[in-house]
Each structure stands twice: as structure tokens, then as C-alpha cells.
Amino acid sequence: MSGGCAVGSSIRAIAADATVTFGNFDPVPATRFEACADGLTLADHDTELFWKKKTGTGG
């Protein structure tokens, strides 16, 4: 595999024959995540999942 990726683009797919498809970077929409009133979770409107907020370094 060889080639380059333009600034602002990213690799979208790599096929079995090593063909690379590039595309523009799609930022996460500002409305995708919403802080819940409990202050401990986030609602993900794309997947309809809730995510627990983590603090610290984790491990």
C-alpha cells in the first residue's frame, strides 16, 4: 500500500486488494451527544445509547 492522504481527509476503507479509499473528515455533529441531567452520563442520539462519563486517568 502506498500513497498519501490530503490534509483534512482520512482513510475510509482498505479493500482486500489493498486499494485505499480516501474521504473527507466528517466531524461529529454538535447535536449528537447531550449531557444528561444526572451529570454522570451522556446520551448519544445517533446510537440511542447512554455513556458513563469517566474522570481521571482510567485504567
PDB file of N, CA and C in Angstrom:
ATOM      1  N   MET A   1       0.846  -1.164   0.000  1.00  0.00           N
ATOM      2  CA  MET A   1       0.000   0.000   0.000  1.00  0.00           C
ATOM      3  C   MET A   1       0.895   1.230   0.000  1.00  0.00           C
ATOM      4  N   SER A   2       0.551   2.196  -0.787  1.00  0.00           N
ATOM      5  CA  SER A   2       1.316   3.426  -0.828  1.00  0.00           C
ATOM      6  C   SER A   2       0.382   4.569  -1.181  1.00  0.00           C
ATOM      7  N   GLY A   3       0.913   5.751  -1.155  1.00  0.00           N
ATOM      8  CA  GLY A   3       0.120   6.918  -1.496  1.00  0.00           C
ATOM      9  C   GLY A   3       0.026   7.852  -0.321  1.00  0.00           C
ATOM     10  N   GLY A   4      -0.727   8.884  -0.485  1.00  0.00           N
ATOM     11  CA  GLY A   4      -0.856   9.870   0.575  1.00  0.00           C
ATOM     12  C   GLY A   4      -2.289  10.279   0.764  1.00  0.00           C
ATOM     13  N   CYS A   5      -2.503  10.919   1.858  1.00  0.00           N
ATOM     14  CA  CYS A   5      -3.831  11.381   2.223  1.00  0.00           C
ATOM     15  C   CYS A   5      -3.765  12.892   2.374  1.00  0.00           C
ATOM     16  N   ALA A   6      -4.616  13.601   1.673  1.00  0.00           N
ATOM     17  CA  ALA A   6      -4.619  15.063   1.725  1.00  0.00           C
ATOM     18  C   ALA A   6      -5.027  15.556   3.105  1.00  0.00           C
ATOM     19  N   VAL A   7      -4.548  16.723   3.469  1.00  0.00           N
ATOM     20  CA  VAL A   7      -4.929  17.335   4.741  1.00  0.00           C
ATOM     21  C   VAL A   7      -6.441  17.466   4.791  1.00  0.00           C
ATOM     22  N   GLY A   8      -7.045  17.057   5.896  1.00  0.00           N
ATOM     23  CA  GLY A   8      -8.494  17.117   6.044  1.00  0.00           C
ATOM     24  C   GLY A   8      -9.198  15.877   5.562  1.00  0.00           C
ATOM     25  N   SER A   9      -8.443  14.907   5.041  1.00  0.00           N
ATOM     26  CA  SER A   9      -9.023  13.651   4.570  1.00  0.00           C
ATOM     27  C   SER A   9      -8.593  12.525   5.489  1.00  0.00           C
ATOM     28  N   SER A  10      -9.252  11.407   5.342  1.00  0.00           N
ATOM     29  CA  SER A  10      -8.906  10.230   6.126  1.00  0.00           C
ATOM     30  C   SER A  10      -9.121   8.991   5.278  1.00  0.00           C
ATOM     31  N   ILE A  11      -8.520   7.883   5.698  1.00  0.00           N
ATOM     32  CA  ILE A  11      -8.738   6.612   5.014  1.00  0.00           C
ATOM     33  C   ILE A  11     -10.129   6.125   5.383  1.00  0.00           C
ATOM     34  N   ARG A  12     -10.945   5.833   4.390  1.00  0.00           N
ATOM     35  CA  ARG A  12     -12.302   5.339   4.605  1.00  0.00           C
ATOM     36  C   ARG A  12     -12.362   3.822   4.579  1.00  0.00           C
ATOM     37  N   ALA A  13     -11.569   3.207   3.704  1.00  0.00           N
ATOM     38  CA  ALA A  13     -11.617   1.751   3.575  1.00  0.00           C
ATOM     39  C   ALA A  13     -10.349   1.259   2.899  1.00  0.00           C
ATOM     40  N   ILE A  14      -9.968   0.029   3.232  1.00  0.00           N
ATOM     41  CA  ILE A  14      -8.872  -0.652   2.557  1.00  0.00           C
ATOM     42  C   ILE A  14      -9.424  -1.993   2.091  1.00  0.00           C
ATOM     43  N   ALA A  15      -9.464  -2.184   0.787  1.00  0.00           N
ATOM     44  CA  ALA A  15     -10.023  -3.396   0.197  1.00  0.00           C
ATOM     45  C   ALA A  15      -9.035  -4.556   0.293  1.00  0.00           C
ATOM     46  N   ALA A  16      -9.503  -5.755   0.028  1.00  0.00           N
ATOM     47  CA  ALA A  16      -8.672  -6.953   0.085  1.00  0.00           C
ATOM     48  C   ALA A  16      -7.479  -6.863  -0.862  1.00  0.00           C
ATOM     49  N   ASP A  17      -7.625  -6.132  -1.981  1.00  0.00           N
ATOM     50  CA  ASP A  17      -6.521  -5.971  -2.930  1.00  0.00           C
ATOM     51  C   ASP A  17      -5.618  -4.789  -2.572  1.00  0.00           C
ATOM     52  N   ALA A  18      -5.792  -4.238  -1.361  1.00  0.00           N
ATOM     53  CA  ALA A  18      -5.009  -3.113  -0.825  1.00  0.00           C
ATOM     54  C   ALA A  18      -5.362  -1.768  -1.464  1.00  0.00           C
ATOM     55  N   THR A  19      -6.464  -1.696  -2.194  1.00  0.00           N
ATOM     56  CA  THR A  19      -6.938  -0.433  -2.733  1.00  0.00           C
ATOM     57  C   THR A  19      -7.457   0.420  -1.576  1.00  0.00           C
ATOM     58  N   VAL A  20      -7.006   1.660  -1.515  1.00  0.00           N
ATOM     59  CA  VAL A  20      -7.384   2.552  -0.420  1.00  0.00           C
ATOM     60  C   VAL A  20      -8.387   3.579  -0.925  1.00  0.00           C
ATOM     61  N   THR A  21      -9.453   3.765  -0.170  1.00  0.00           N
ATOM     62  CA  THR A  21     -10.454   4.782  -0.461  1.00  0.00           C
ATOM     63  C   THR A  21     -10.303   5.890   0.560  1.00  0.00           C
ATOM     64  N   PHE A  22     -10.127   7.126   0.069  1.00  0.00           N
ATOM     65  CA  PHE A  22      -9.991   8.282   0.944  1.00  0.00           C
ATOM     66  C   PHE A  22     -11.286   9.066   0.948  1.00  0.00           C
ATOM     67  N   GLY A  23     -11.501   9.835   1.998  1.00  0.00           N
ATOM     68  CA  GLY A  23     -12.685  10.684   2.076  1.00  0.00           C
ATOM     69  C   GLY A  23     -12.420  11.851   2.983  1.00  0.00           C
ATOM     70  N   ASN A  24     -13.315  12.798   2.957  1.00  0.00           N
ATOM     71  CA  ASN A  24     -13.190  13.962   3.829  1.00  0.00           C
ATOM     72  C   ASN A  24     -13.525  13.577   5.255  1.00  0.00           C
ATOM     73  N   PHE A  25     -12.887  14.249   6.193  1.00  0.00           N
ATOM     74  CA  PHE A  25     -13.160  14.031   7.597  1.00  0.00           C
ATOM     75  C   PHE A  25     -14.523  14.612   7.927  1.00  0.00           C
ATOM     76  N   ASP A  26     -15.374  13.806   8.524  1.00  0.00           N
ATOM     77  CA  ASP A  26     -16.703  14.261   8.928  1.00  0.00           C
ATOM     78  C   ASP A  26     -16.712  14.462  10.441  1.00  0.00           C
ATOM     79  N   PRO A  27     -16.701  15.703  10.905  1.00  0.00           N
ATOM     80  CA  PRO A  27     -16.720  15.923  12.345  1.00  0.00           C
ATOM     81  C   PRO A  27     -18.021  15.440  12.968  1.00  0.00           C
ATOM     82  N   VAL A  28     -17.980  15.098  14.227  1.00  0.00           N
ATOM     83  CA  VAL A  28     -19.176  14.662  14.948  1.00  0.00           C
ATOM     84  C   VAL A  28     -20.108  15.856  15.075  1.00  0.00           C
ATOM     85  N   PRO A  29     -21.359  15.701  14.674  1.00  0.00           N
ATOM     86  CA  PRO A  29     -22.296  16.823  14.802  1.00  0.00           C
ATOM     87  C   PRO A  29     -22.432  17.259  16.257  1.00  0.00           C
ATOM     88  N   ALA A  30     -22.556  18.550  16.478  1.00  0.00           N
ATOM     89  CA  ALA A  30     -22.652  19.080  17.834  1.00  0.00           C
ATOM     90  C   ALA A  30     -23.872  18.544  18.566  1.00  0.00           C
ATOM     91  N   THR A  31     -24.897  18.134  17.838  1.00  0.00           N
ATOM     92  CA  THR A  31     -26.129  17.656  18.469  1.00  0.00           C
ATOM     93  C   THR A  31     -26.129  16.154  18.725  1.00  0.00           C
ATOM     94  N   ARG A  32     -25.043  15.453  18.403  1.00  0.00           N
ATOM     95  CA  ARG A  32     -25.028  14.002  18.602  1.00  0.00           C
ATOM     96  C   ARG A  32     -25.058  13.640  20.088  1.00  0.00           C
ATOM     97  N   PHE A  33     -24.228  14.309  20.897  1.00  0.00           N
ATOM     98  CA  PHE A  33     -24.142  13.986  22.312  1.00  0.00           C
ATOM     99  C   PHE A  33     -24.826  15.056  23.152  1.00  0.00           C
ATOM    100  N   GLU A  34     -25.484  14.609  24.213  1.00  0.00           N
ATOM    101  CA  GLU A  34     -26.158  15.538  25.114  1.00  0.00           C
ATOM    102  C   GLU A  34     -25.896  15.099  26.547  1.00  0.00           C
ATOM    103  N   ALA A  35     -25.457  16.023  27.380  1.00  0.00           N
ATOM    104  CA  ALA A  35     -25.234  15.721  28.791  1.00  0.00           C
ATOM    105  C   ALA A  35     -26.578  15.482  29.469  1.00  0.00           C
ATOM    106  N   CYS A  36     -26.664  14.412  30.230  1.00  0.00           N
ATOM    107  CA  CYS A  36     -27.895  14.103  30.949  1.00  0.00           C
ATOM    108  C   CYS A  36     -27.956  14.903  32.247  1.00  0.00           C
ATOM    109  N   ALA A  37     -29.161  15.079  32.755  1.00  0.00           N
ATOM    110  CA  ALA A  37     -29.376  15.888  33.952  1.00  0.00           C
ATOM    111  C   ALA A  37     -28.668  15.320  35.175  1.00  0.00           C
ATOM    112  N   ASP A  38     -28.381  14.009  35.189  1.00  0.00           N
ATOM    113  CA  ASP A  38     -27.718  13.415  36.357  1.00  0.00           C
ATOM    114  C   ASP A  38     -26.253  13.819  36.467  1.00  0.00           C
ATOM    115  N   GLY A  39     -25.694  14.401  35.386  1.00  0.00           N
ATOM    116  CA  GLY A  39     -24.306  14.828  35.386  1.00  0.00           C
ATOM    117  C   GLY A  39     -23.310  13.697  35.266  1.00  0.00           C
ATOM    118  N   LEU A  40     -23.785  12.455  35.175  1.00  0.00           N
ATOM    119  CA  LEU A  40     -22.914  11.287  35.123  1.00  0.00           C
ATOM    120  C   LEU A  40     -22.907  10.580  33.783  1.00  0.00           C
ATOM    121  N   THR A  41     -23.874  10.883  32.935  1.00  0.00           N
ATOM    122  CA  THR A  41     -24.000  10.181  31.662  1.00  0.00           C
ATOM    123  C   THR A  41     -24.211  11.151  30.501  1.00  0.00           C
ATOM    124  N   LEU A  42     -23.940  10.637  29.287  1.00  0.00           N
ATOM    125  CA  LEU A  42     -24.197  11.354  28.044  1.00  0.00           C
ATOM    126  C   LEU A  42     -25.147  10.522  27.197  1.00  0.00           C
ATOM    127  N   ALA A  43     -26.065  11.165  26.535  1.00  0.00           N
ATOM    128  CA  ALA A  43     -26.945  10.488  25.584  1.00  0.00           C
ATOM    129  C   ALA A  43     -26.340  10.631  24.201  1.00  0.00           C
ATOM    130  N   ASP A  44     -26.234   9.521  23.462  1.00  0.00           N
ATOM    131  CA  ASP A  44     -25.739   9.503  22.086  1.00  0.00           C
ATOM    132  C   ASP A  44     -26.955   9.375  21.182  1.00  0.00           C
ATOM    133  N   HIS A  45     -27.331  10.456  20.514  1.00  0.00           N
ATOM    134  CA  HIS A  45     -28.551  10.464  19.715  1.00  0.00           C
ATOM    135  C   HIS A  45     -28.437   9.660  18.420  1.00  0.00           C
ATOM    136  N   ASP A  46     -27.227   9.353  17.972  1.00  0.00           N
ATOM    137  CA  ASP A  46     -27.070   8.523  16.772  1.00  0.00           C
ATOM    138  C   ASP A  46     -27.297   7.047  17.064  1.00  0.00           C
ATOM    139  N   THR A  47     -26.798   6.577  18.192  1.00  0.00           N
ATOM    140  CA  THR A  47     -26.895   5.148  18.525  1.00  0.00           C
ATOM    141  C   THR A  47     -27.977   4.849  19.548  1.00  0.00           C
ATOM    142  N   GLU A  48     -28.532   5.906  20.158  1.00  0.00           N
ATOM    143  CA  GLU A  48     -29.527   5.788  21.222  1.00  0.00           C
ATOM    144  C   GLU A  48     -28.979   5.054  22.441  1.00  0.00           C
ATOM    145  N   LEU A  49     -27.649   5.161  22.645  1.00  0.00           N
ATOM    146  CA  LEU A  49     -27.002   4.592  23.818  1.00  0.00           C
ATOM    147  C   LEU A  49     -26.691   5.700  24.805  1.00  0.00           C
ATOM    148  N   PHE A  50     -26.479   5.314  26.052  1.00  0.00           N
ATOM    149  CA  PHE A  50     -26.048   6.239  27.085  1.00  0.00           C
ATOM    150  C   PHE A  50     -24.643   5.849  27.511  1.00  0.00           C
ATOM    151  N   TRP A  51     -23.789   6.846  27.690  1.00  0.00           N
ATOM    152  CA  TRP A  51     -22.384   6.615  28.026  1.00  0.00           C
ATOM    153  C   TRP A  51     -22.084   7.220  29.389  1.00  0.00           C
ATOM    154  N   LYS A  52     -21.392   6.472  30.230  1.00  0.00           N
ATOM    155  CA  LYS A  52     -20.993   6.958  31.535  1.00  0.00           C
ATOM    156  C   LYS A  52     -19.774   7.852  31.368  1.00  0.00           C
ATOM    157  N   LYS A  53     -19.819   9.021  32.003  1.00  0.00           N
ATOM    158  CA  LYS A  53     -18.676   9.912  31.970  1.00  0.00           C
ATOM    159  C   LYS A  53     -17.567   9.347  32.841  1.00  0.00           C
ATOM    160  N   LYS A  54     -16.348   9.401  32.360  1.00  0.00           N
ATOM    161  CA  LYS A  54     -15.183   8.948  33.113  1.00  0.00           C
ATOM    162  C   LYS A  54     -14.369  10.164  33.514  1.00  0.00           C
ATOM    163  N   THR A  55     -13.781  10.085  34.682  1.00  0.00           N
ATOM    164  CA  THR A  55     -12.881  11.135  35.128  1.00  0.00           C
ATOM    165  C   THR A  55     -11.564  10.501  35.531  1.00  0.00           C
ATOM    166  N   GLY A  56     -10.514  11.267  35.544  1.00  0.00           N
ATOM    167  CA  GLY A  56      -9.210  10.739  35.919  1.00  0.00           C
ATOM    168  C   GLY A  56      -8.510  10.071  34.755  1.00  0.00           C
ATOM    169  N   THR A  57      -7.504   9.267  35.061  1.00  0.00           N
ATOM    170  CA  THR A  57      -6.688   8.645  34.031  1.00  0.00           C
ATOM    171  C   THR A  57      -7.197   7.284  33.597  1.00  0.00           C
ATOM    172  N   GLY A  58      -8.108   6.685  34.322  1.00  0.00           N
ATOM    173  CA  GLY A  58      -8.637   5.378  33.939  1.00  0.00           C
ATOM    174  C   GLY A  58      -7.639   4.269  34.132  1.00  0.00           C
ATOM    175  N   GLY A  59      -7.976   3.116  33.593  1.00  0.00           N
ATOM    176  CA  GLY A  59      -7.024   2.030  33.732  1.00  0.00           C
ATOM    177  C   GLY A  59      -7.620   0.690  33.579  1.00  0.00           C
TER     178      GLY A  59
END
